[in-house]
Amino acid sequence: MSILTIEASAIKIWFDQYNMWVNLSDGRQLSVPLEFFPRLLKAKPEQRENYVLSGNGTGIHWDELDEDISVPSLLLGKGDLTRF
């Protein structure tokens, strides 16, 4: 895993109709298609907004949706492996 992915941490996330957007502590901004994460895609907007940044921003957790996303994995282009 690259040092650029290990040190990356989320400081803010938000959503539009098709994407999850992540602002990273190093100034990068990432857009990830909601299709990568079926639970988020199917969730109501208010459920998507009910998240917690964990591990100093290295993870994003939705308790109600039982969804956990690793920020370094996002940077590597990995989505929910169960979506296939």
PDB file of N, CA and C in Angstrom:
ATOM      1  N   MET A   1       0.846  -1.179   0.000  1.00  0.00           N
ATOM      2  CA  MET A   1       0.000   0.000   0.000  1.00  0.00           C
ATOM      3  C   MET A   1       0.889   1.239   0.000  1.00  0.00           C
ATOM      4  N   SER A   2       0.567   2.204  -0.788  1.00  0.00           N
ATOM      5  CA  SER A   2       1.351   3.424  -0.913  1.00  0.00           C
ATOM      6  C   SER A   2       1.260   4.273   0.349  1.00  0.00           C
ATOM      7  N   ILE A   3       2.313   4.973   0.664  1.00  0.00           N
ATOM      8  CA  ILE A   3       2.319   5.899   1.796  1.00  0.00           C
ATOM      9  C   ILE A   3       1.249   6.977   1.624  1.00  0.00           C
ATOM     10  N   LEU A   4       0.926   7.323   0.378  1.00  0.00           N
ATOM     11  CA  LEU A   4      -0.102   8.337   0.133  1.00  0.00           C
ATOM     12  C   LEU A   4      -1.485   7.865   0.545  1.00  0.00           C
ATOM     13  N   THR A   5      -1.729   6.572   0.522  1.00  0.00           N
ATOM     14  CA  THR A   5      -3.028   6.069   0.959  1.00  0.00           C
ATOM     15  C   THR A   5      -3.059   5.841   2.459  1.00  0.00           C
ATOM     16  N   ILE A   6      -1.943   5.437   3.035  1.00  0.00           N
ATOM     17  CA  ILE A   6      -1.910   5.165   4.473  1.00  0.00           C
ATOM     18  C   ILE A   6      -2.090   6.449   5.275  1.00  0.00           C
ATOM     19  N   GLU A   7      -1.496   7.532   4.846  1.00  0.00           N
ATOM     20  CA  GLU A   7      -1.558   8.784   5.591  1.00  0.00           C
ATOM     21  C   GLU A   7      -2.820   9.592   5.310  1.00  0.00           C
ATOM     22  N   ALA A   8      -3.599   9.197   4.340  1.00  0.00           N
ATOM     23  CA  ALA A   8      -4.800   9.948   3.984  1.00  0.00           C
ATOM     24  C   ALA A   8      -5.876   9.765   5.049  1.00  0.00           C
ATOM     25  N   SER A   9      -6.524  10.869   5.382  1.00  0.00           N
ATOM     26  CA  SER A   9      -7.651  10.783   6.310  1.00  0.00           C
ATOM     27  C   SER A   9      -8.738  11.755   5.861  1.00  0.00           C
ATOM     28  N   ALA A  10      -9.976  11.338   6.088  1.00  0.00           N
ATOM     29  CA  ALA A  10     -11.127  12.153   5.713  1.00  0.00           C
ATOM     30  C   ALA A  10     -11.370  13.222   6.768  1.00  0.00           C
ATOM     31  N   ILE A  11     -11.706  14.410   6.304  1.00  0.00           N
ATOM     32  CA  ILE A  11     -12.081  15.471   7.238  1.00  0.00           C
ATOM     33  C   ILE A  11     -13.532  15.898   7.036  1.00  0.00           C
ATOM     34  N   LYS A  12     -14.093  15.573   5.862  1.00  0.00           N
ATOM     35  CA  LYS A  12     -15.481  15.937   5.576  1.00  0.00           C
ATOM     36  C   LYS A  12     -15.981  15.040   4.450  1.00  0.00           C
ATOM     37  N   ILE A  13     -17.243  14.622   4.550  1.00  0.00           N
ATOM     38  CA  ILE A  13     -17.863  13.923   3.428  1.00  0.00           C
ATOM     39  C   ILE A  13     -19.241  14.509   3.175  1.00  0.00           C
ATOM     40  N   TRP A  14     -19.693  14.413   1.929  1.00  0.00           N
ATOM     41  CA  TRP A  14     -21.042  14.831   1.552  1.00  0.00           C
ATOM     42  C   TRP A  14     -21.441  14.059   0.304  1.00  0.00           C
ATOM     43  N   PHE A  15     -22.697  14.213  -0.069  1.00  0.00           N
ATOM     44  CA  PHE A  15     -23.259  13.417  -1.148  1.00  0.00           C
ATOM     45  C   PHE A  15     -23.989  14.292  -2.158  1.00  0.00           C
ATOM     46  N   ASP A  16     -23.940  13.872  -3.412  1.00  0.00           N
ATOM     47  CA  ASP A  16     -24.881  14.380  -4.402  1.00  0.00           C
ATOM     48  C   ASP A  16     -25.710  13.173  -4.841  1.00  0.00           C
ATOM     49  N   GLN A  17     -26.451  13.288  -5.888  1.00  0.00           N
ATOM     50  CA  GLN A  17     -27.357  12.226  -6.299  1.00  0.00           C
ATOM     51  C   GLN A  17     -26.618  10.926  -6.650  1.00  0.00           C
ATOM     52  N   TYR A  18     -25.417  11.036  -7.168  1.00  0.00           N
ATOM     53  CA  TYR A  18     -24.710   9.866  -7.688  1.00  0.00           C
ATOM     54  C   TYR A  18     -23.403   9.530  -6.992  1.00  0.00           C
ATOM     55  N   ASN A  19     -22.881  10.445  -6.179  1.00  0.00           N
ATOM     56  CA  ASN A  19     -21.530  10.284  -5.638  1.00  0.00           C
ATOM     57  C   ASN A  19     -21.436  10.593  -4.155  1.00  0.00           C
ATOM     58  N   MET A  20     -20.424   9.989  -3.541  1.00  0.00           N
ATOM     59  CA  MET A  20     -19.977  10.396  -2.216  1.00  0.00           C
ATOM     60  C   MET A  20     -18.696  11.187  -2.440  1.00  0.00           C
ATOM     61  N   TRP A  21     -18.605  12.350  -1.838  1.00  0.00           N
ATOM     62  CA  TRP A  21     -17.428  13.206  -1.951  1.00  0.00           C
ATOM     63  C   TRP A  21     -16.688  13.187  -0.625  1.00  0.00           C
ATOM     64  N   VAL A  22     -15.370  13.112  -0.698  1.00  0.00           N
ATOM     65  CA  VAL A  22     -14.544  13.046   0.508  1.00  0.00           C
ATOM     66  C   VAL A  22     -13.439  14.089   0.404  1.00  0.00           C
ATOM     67  N   ASN A  23     -13.389  14.991   1.375  1.00  0.00           N
ATOM     68  CA  ASN A  23     -12.255  15.915   1.497  1.00  0.00           C
ATOM     69  C   ASN A  23     -11.228  15.254   2.396  1.00  0.00           C
ATOM     70  N   LEU A  24      -9.983  15.226   1.931  1.00  0.00           N
ATOM     71  CA  LEU A  24      -8.903  14.597   2.679  1.00  0.00           C
ATOM     72  C   LEU A  24      -8.032  15.643   3.363  1.00  0.00           C
ATOM     73  N   SER A  25      -7.384  15.202   4.429  1.00  0.00           N
ATOM     74  CA  SER A  25      -6.568  16.124   5.235  1.00  0.00           C
ATOM     75  C   SER A  25      -5.392  16.706   4.459  1.00  0.00           C
ATOM     76  N   ASP A  26      -4.976  16.052   3.377  1.00  0.00           N
ATOM     77  CA  ASP A  26      -3.849  16.561   2.596  1.00  0.00           C
ATOM     78  C   ASP A  26      -4.282  17.487   1.457  1.00  0.00           C
ATOM     79  N   GLY A  27      -5.578  17.842   1.416  1.00  0.00           N
ATOM     80  CA  GLY A  27      -6.077  18.786   0.424  1.00  0.00           C
ATOM     81  C   GLY A  27      -6.735  18.148  -0.786  1.00  0.00           C
ATOM     82  N   ARG A  28      -6.596  16.836  -0.945  1.00  0.00           N
ATOM     83  CA  ARG A  28      -7.254  16.173  -2.067  1.00  0.00           C
ATOM     84  C   ARG A  28      -8.752  16.052  -1.821  1.00  0.00           C
ATOM     85  N   GLN A  29      -9.490  15.946  -2.922  1.00  0.00           N
ATOM     86  CA  GLN A  29     -10.936  15.721  -2.877  1.00  0.00           C
ATOM     87  C   GLN A  29     -11.234  14.518  -3.768  1.00  0.00           C
ATOM     88  N   LEU A  30     -12.012  13.598  -3.234  1.00  0.00           N
ATOM     89  CA  LEU A  30     -12.281  12.353  -3.925  1.00  0.00           C
ATOM     90  C   LEU A  30     -13.773  12.214  -4.168  1.00  0.00           C
ATOM     91  N   SER A  31     -14.137  11.781  -5.363  1.00  0.00           N
ATOM     92  CA  SER A  31     -15.518  11.472  -5.701  1.00  0.00           C
ATOM     93  C   SER A  31     -15.617   9.972  -5.947  1.00  0.00           C
ATOM     94  N   VAL A  32     -16.571   9.323  -5.271  1.00  0.00           N
ATOM     95  CA  VAL A  32     -16.750   7.880  -5.393  1.00  0.00           C
ATOM     96  C   VAL A  32     -18.201   7.611  -5.781  1.00  0.00           C
ATOM     97  N   PRO A  33     -18.439   6.867  -6.860  1.00  0.00           N
ATOM     98  CA  PRO A  33     -19.818   6.557  -7.246  1.00  0.00           C
ATOM     99  C   PRO A  33     -20.536   5.768  -6.146  1.00  0.00           C
ATOM    100  N   LEU A  34     -21.764   6.166  -5.848  1.00  0.00           N
ATOM    101  CA  LEU A  34     -22.549   5.440  -4.853  1.00  0.00           C
ATOM    102  C   LEU A  34     -22.772   3.988  -5.259  1.00  0.00           C
ATOM    103  N   GLU A  35     -22.700   3.702  -6.548  1.00  0.00           N
ATOM    104  CA  GLU A  35     -22.845   2.321  -7.020  1.00  0.00           C
ATOM    105  C   GLU A  35     -21.772   1.403  -6.438  1.00  0.00           C
ATOM    106  N   PHE A  36     -20.653   1.966  -6.006  1.00  0.00           N
ATOM    107  CA  PHE A  36     -19.600   1.168  -5.374  1.00  0.00           C
ATOM    108  C   PHE A  36     -20.057   0.621  -4.021  1.00  0.00           C
ATOM    109  N   PHE A  37     -21.080   1.254  -3.421  1.00  0.00           N
ATOM    110  CA  PHE A  37     -21.547   0.896  -2.085  1.00  0.00           C
ATOM    111  C   PHE A  37     -23.067   0.804  -2.082  1.00  0.00           C
ATOM    112  N   PRO A  38     -23.609  -0.382  -2.405  1.00  0.00           N
ATOM    113  CA  PRO A  38     -25.061  -0.540  -2.541  1.00  0.00           C
ATOM    114  C   PRO A  38     -25.882  -0.082  -1.335  1.00  0.00           C
ATOM    115  N   ARG A  39     -25.358  -0.280  -0.127  1.00  0.00           N
ATOM    116  CA  ARG A  39     -26.115   0.167   1.054  1.00  0.00           C
ATOM    117  C   ARG A  39     -26.269   1.682   1.068  1.00  0.00           C
ATOM    118  N   LEU A  40     -25.233   2.393   0.660  1.00  0.00           N
ATOM    119  CA  LEU A  40     -25.343   3.849   0.586  1.00  0.00           C
ATOM    120  C   LEU A  40     -26.247   4.275  -0.568  1.00  0.00           C
ATOM    121  N   LEU A  41     -26.150   3.572  -1.675  1.00  0.00           N
ATOM    122  CA  LEU A  41     -26.975   3.889  -2.841  1.00  0.00           C
ATOM    123  C   LEU A  41     -28.454   3.769  -2.506  1.00  0.00           C
ATOM    124  N   LYS A  42     -28.824   2.745  -1.754  1.00  0.00           N
ATOM    125  CA  LYS A  42     -30.227   2.485  -1.417  1.00  0.00           C
ATOM    126  C   LYS A  42     -30.711   3.283  -0.207  1.00  0.00           C
ATOM    127  N   ALA A  43     -29.799   3.882   0.527  1.00  0.00           N
ATOM    128  CA  ALA A  43     -30.156   4.598   1.756  1.00  0.00           C
ATOM    129  C   ALA A  43     -30.856   5.920   1.465  1.00  0.00           C
ATOM    130  N   LYS A  44     -31.646   6.349   2.421  1.00  0.00           N
ATOM    131  CA  LYS A  44     -32.265   7.674   2.351  1.00  0.00           C
ATOM    132  C   LYS A  44     -31.177   8.720   2.601  1.00  0.00           C
ATOM    133  N   PRO A  45     -31.353   9.913   2.041  1.00  0.00           N
ATOM    134  CA  PRO A  45     -30.332  10.964   2.246  1.00  0.00           C
ATOM    135  C   PRO A  45     -29.997  11.210   3.721  1.00  0.00           C
ATOM    136  N   GLU A  46     -31.003  11.196   4.583  1.00  0.00           N
ATOM    137  CA  GLU A  46     -30.737  11.449   6.008  1.00  0.00           C
ATOM    138  C   GLU A  46     -29.945  10.296   6.642  1.00  0.00           C
ATOM    139  N   GLN A  47     -30.095   9.079   6.117  1.00  0.00           N
ATOM    140  CA  GLN A  47     -29.294   7.962   6.610  1.00  0.00           C
ATOM    141  C   GLN A  47     -27.839   8.110   6.173  1.00  0.00           C
ATOM    142  N   ARG A  48     -27.624   8.574   4.966  1.00  0.00           N
ATOM    143  CA  ARG A  48     -26.244   8.780   4.491  1.00  0.00           C
ATOM    144  C   ARG A  48     -25.516   9.818   5.327  1.00  0.00           C
ATOM    145  N   GLU A  49     -26.248  10.832   5.760  1.00  0.00           N
ATOM    146  CA  GLU A  49     -25.632  11.924   6.522  1.00  0.00           C
ATOM    147  C   GLU A  49     -25.328  11.535   7.965  1.00  0.00           C
ATOM    148  N   ASN A  50     -25.829  10.395   8.411  1.00  0.00           N
ATOM    149  CA  ASN A  50     -25.642   9.954   9.794  1.00  0.00           C
ATOM    150  C   ASN A  50     -24.416   9.036   9.882  1.00  0.00           C
ATOM    151  N   TYR A  51     -23.233   9.607   9.697  1.00  0.00           N
ATOM    152  CA  TYR A  51     -21.979   8.862   9.693  1.00  0.00           C
ATOM    153  C   TYR A  51     -21.056   9.364  10.792  1.00  0.00           C
ATOM    154  N   VAL A  52     -20.043   8.573  11.072  1.00  0.00           N
ATOM    155  CA  VAL A  52     -18.997   8.935  12.029  1.00  0.00           C
ATOM    156  C   VAL A  52     -17.659   8.681  11.354  1.00  0.00           C
ATOM    157  N   LEU A  53     -16.756   9.655  11.451  1.00  0.00           N
ATOM    158  CA  LEU A  53     -15.375   9.434  10.998  1.00  0.00           C
ATOM    159  C   LEU A  53     -14.648   8.704  12.123  1.00  0.00           C
ATOM    160  N   SER A  54     -14.059   7.568  11.801  1.00  0.00           N
ATOM    161  CA  SER A  54     -13.377   6.769  12.813  1.00  0.00           C
ATOM    162  C   SER A  54     -11.884   6.694  12.512  1.00  0.00           C
ATOM    163  N   GLY A  55     -11.130   6.262  13.499  1.00  0.00           N
ATOM    164  CA  GLY A  55      -9.685   6.094  13.305  1.00  0.00           C
ATOM    165  C   GLY A  55      -8.994   7.349  12.827  1.00  0.00           C
ATOM    166  N   ASN A  56      -9.335   8.503  13.422  1.00  0.00           N
ATOM    167  CA  ASN A  56      -8.765   9.789  12.999  1.00  0.00           C
ATOM    168  C   ASN A  56      -9.011  10.074  11.521  1.00  0.00           C
ATOM    169  N   GLY A  57     -10.178   9.636  11.022  1.00  0.00           N
ATOM    170  CA  GLY A  57     -10.539   9.923   9.638  1.00  0.00           C
ATOM    171  C   GLY A  57     -10.105   8.874   8.637  1.00  0.00           C
ATOM    172  N   THR A  58      -9.542   7.752   9.098  1.00  0.00           N
ATOM    173  CA  THR A  58      -9.150   6.700   8.171  1.00  0.00           C
ATOM    174  C   THR A  58     -10.315   5.767   7.834  1.00  0.00           C
ATOM    175  N   GLY A  59     -11.410   5.919   8.552  1.00  0.00           N
ATOM    176  CA  GLY A  59     -12.604   5.118   8.287  1.00  0.00           C
ATOM    177  C   GLY A  59     -13.848   5.966   8.363  1.00  0.00           C
ATOM    178  N   ILE A  60     -14.897   5.511   7.691  1.00  0.00           N
ATOM    179  CA  ILE A  60     -16.208   6.159   7.732  1.00  0.00           C
ATOM    180  C   ILE A  60     -17.206   5.076   8.117  1.00  0.00           C
ATOM    181  N   HIS A  61     -18.027   5.336   9.133  1.00  0.00           N
ATOM    182  CA  HIS A  61     -18.938   4.324   9.666  1.00  0.00           C
ATOM    183  C   HIS A  61     -20.372   4.841   9.714  1.00  0.00           C
ATOM    184  N   TRP A  62     -21.291   4.004   9.235  1.00  0.00           N
ATOM    185  CA  TRP A  62     -22.734   4.251   9.324  1.00  0.00           C
ATOM    186  C   TRP A  62     -23.332   3.125  10.155  1.00  0.00           C
ATOM    187  N   ASP A  63     -23.633   3.392  11.415  1.00  0.00           N
ATOM    188  CA  ASP A  63     -24.163   2.365  12.304  1.00  0.00           C
ATOM    189  C   ASP A  63     -25.507   1.837  11.796  1.00  0.00           C
ATOM    190  N   GLU A  64     -26.417   2.754  11.452  1.00  0.00           N
ATOM    191  CA  GLU A  64     -27.757   2.375  10.998  1.00  0.00           C
ATOM    192  C   GLU A  64     -27.724   1.521   9.731  1.00  0.00           C
ATOM    193  N   LEU A  65     -26.746   1.757   8.863  1.00  0.00           N
ATOM    194  CA  LEU A  65     -26.661   1.034   7.597  1.00  0.00           C
ATOM    195  C   LEU A  65     -25.716  -0.168   7.665  1.00  0.00           C
ATOM    196  N   ASP A  66     -25.038  -0.343   8.802  1.00  0.00           N
ATOM    197  CA  ASP A  66     -24.037  -1.403   8.960  1.00  0.00           C
ATOM    198  C   ASP A  66     -23.001  -1.332   7.836  1.00  0.00           C
ATOM    199  N   GLU A  67     -22.486  -0.120   7.616  1.00  0.00           N
ATOM    200  CA  GLU A  67     -21.506   0.130   6.544  1.00  0.00           C
ATOM    201  C   GLU A  67     -20.248   0.749   7.142  1.00  0.00           C
ATOM    202  N   ASP A  68     -19.113   0.206   6.754  1.00  0.00           N
ATOM    203  CA  ASP A  68     -17.810   0.743   7.138  1.00  0.00           C
ATOM    204  C   ASP A  68     -16.957   0.846   5.885  1.00  0.00           C
ATOM    205  N   ILE A  69     -16.347   2.010   5.692  1.00  0.00           N
ATOM    206  CA  ILE A  69     -15.529   2.244   4.506  1.00  0.00           C
ATOM    207  C   ILE A  69     -14.153   2.717   4.958  1.00  0.00           C
ATOM    208  N   SER A  70     -13.135   2.123   4.389  1.00  0.00           N
ATOM    209  CA  SER A  70     -11.752   2.495   4.650  1.00  0.00           C
ATOM    210  C   SER A  70     -11.333   3.570   3.649  1.00  0.00           C
ATOM    211  N   VAL A  71     -10.842   4.683   4.137  1.00  0.00           N
ATOM    212  CA  VAL A  71     -10.387   5.760   3.252  1.00  0.00           C
ATOM    213  C   VAL A  71      -9.200   5.311   2.394  1.00  0.00           C
ATOM    214  N   PRO A  72      -8.193   4.618   2.950  1.00  0.00           N
ATOM    215  CA  PRO A  72      -7.124   4.132   2.071  1.00  0.00           C
ATOM    216  C   PRO A  72      -7.644   3.219   0.955  1.00  0.00           C
ATOM    217  N   SER A  73      -8.646   2.399   1.241  1.00  0.00           N
ATOM    218  CA  SER A  73      -9.222   1.541   0.191  1.00  0.00           C
ATOM    219  C   SER A  73      -9.921   2.355  -0.886  1.00  0.00           C
ATOM    220  N   LEU A  74     -10.572   3.446  -0.479  1.00  0.00           N
ATOM    221  CA  LEU A  74     -11.198   4.329  -1.472  1.00  0.00           C
ATOM    222  C   LEU A  74     -10.154   4.856  -2.443  1.00  0.00           C
ATOM    223  N   LEU A  75      -9.006   5.246  -1.900  1.00  0.00           N
ATOM    224  CA  LEU A  75      -7.944   5.788  -2.748  1.00  0.00           C
ATOM    225  C   LEU A  75      -7.358   4.740  -3.682  1.00  0.00           C
ATOM    226  N   LEU A  76      -7.512   3.491  -3.341  1.00  0.00           N
ATOM    227  CA  LEU A  76      -7.051   2.407  -4.197  1.00  0.00           C
ATOM    228  C   LEU A  76      -8.131   1.962  -5.177  1.00  0.00           C
ATOM    229  N   GLY A  77      -9.297   2.625  -5.123  1.00  0.00           N
ATOM    230  CA  GLY A  77     -10.375   2.319  -6.061  1.00  0.00           C
ATOM    231  C   GLY A  77     -11.227   1.134  -5.667  1.00  0.00           C
ATOM    232  N   LYS A  78     -11.155   0.723  -4.408  1.00  0.00           N
ATOM    233  CA  LYS A  78     -11.922  -0.431  -3.954  1.00  0.00           C
ATOM    234  C   LYS A  78     -13.276   0.011  -3.413  1.00  0.00           C
ATOM    235  N   GLY A  79     -14.299  -0.681  -3.840  1.00  0.00           N
ATOM    236  CA  GLY A  79     -15.641  -0.471  -3.328  1.00  0.00           C
ATOM    237  C   GLY A  79     -16.050  -1.656  -2.458  1.00  0.00           C
ATOM    238  N   ASP A  80     -17.339  -1.804  -2.253  1.00  0.00           N
ATOM    239  CA  ASP A  80     -17.899  -2.924  -1.518  1.00  0.00           C
ATOM    240  C   ASP A  80     -17.728  -4.184  -2.362  1.00  0.00           C
ATOM    241  N   LEU A  81     -16.908  -5.093  -1.899  1.00  0.00           N
ATOM    242  CA  LEU A  81     -16.615  -6.301  -2.666  1.00  0.00           C
ATOM    243  C   LEU A  81     -17.823  -7.234  -2.770  1.00  0.00           C
ATOM    244  N   THR A  82     -18.835  -7.039  -1.935  1.00  0.00           N
ATOM    245  CA  THR A  82     -20.030  -7.873  -2.001  1.00  0.00           C
ATOM    246  C   THR A  82     -21.017  -7.387  -3.045  1.00  0.00           C
ATOM    247  N   ARG A  83     -20.742  -6.263  -3.692  1.00  0.00           N
ATOM    248  CA  ARG A  83     -21.692  -5.705  -4.664  1.00  0.00           C
ATOM    249  C   ARG A  83     -21.790  -6.524  -5.942  1.00  0.00           C
ATOM    250  N   PHE A  84     -20.856  -7.420  -6.171  1.00  0.00           N
ATOM    251  CA  PHE A  84     -20.879  -8.241  -7.368  1.00  0.00           C
ATOM    252  C   PHE A  84     -21.686  -9.464  -7.083  1.00  0.00           C
TER     253      PHE A  84
END
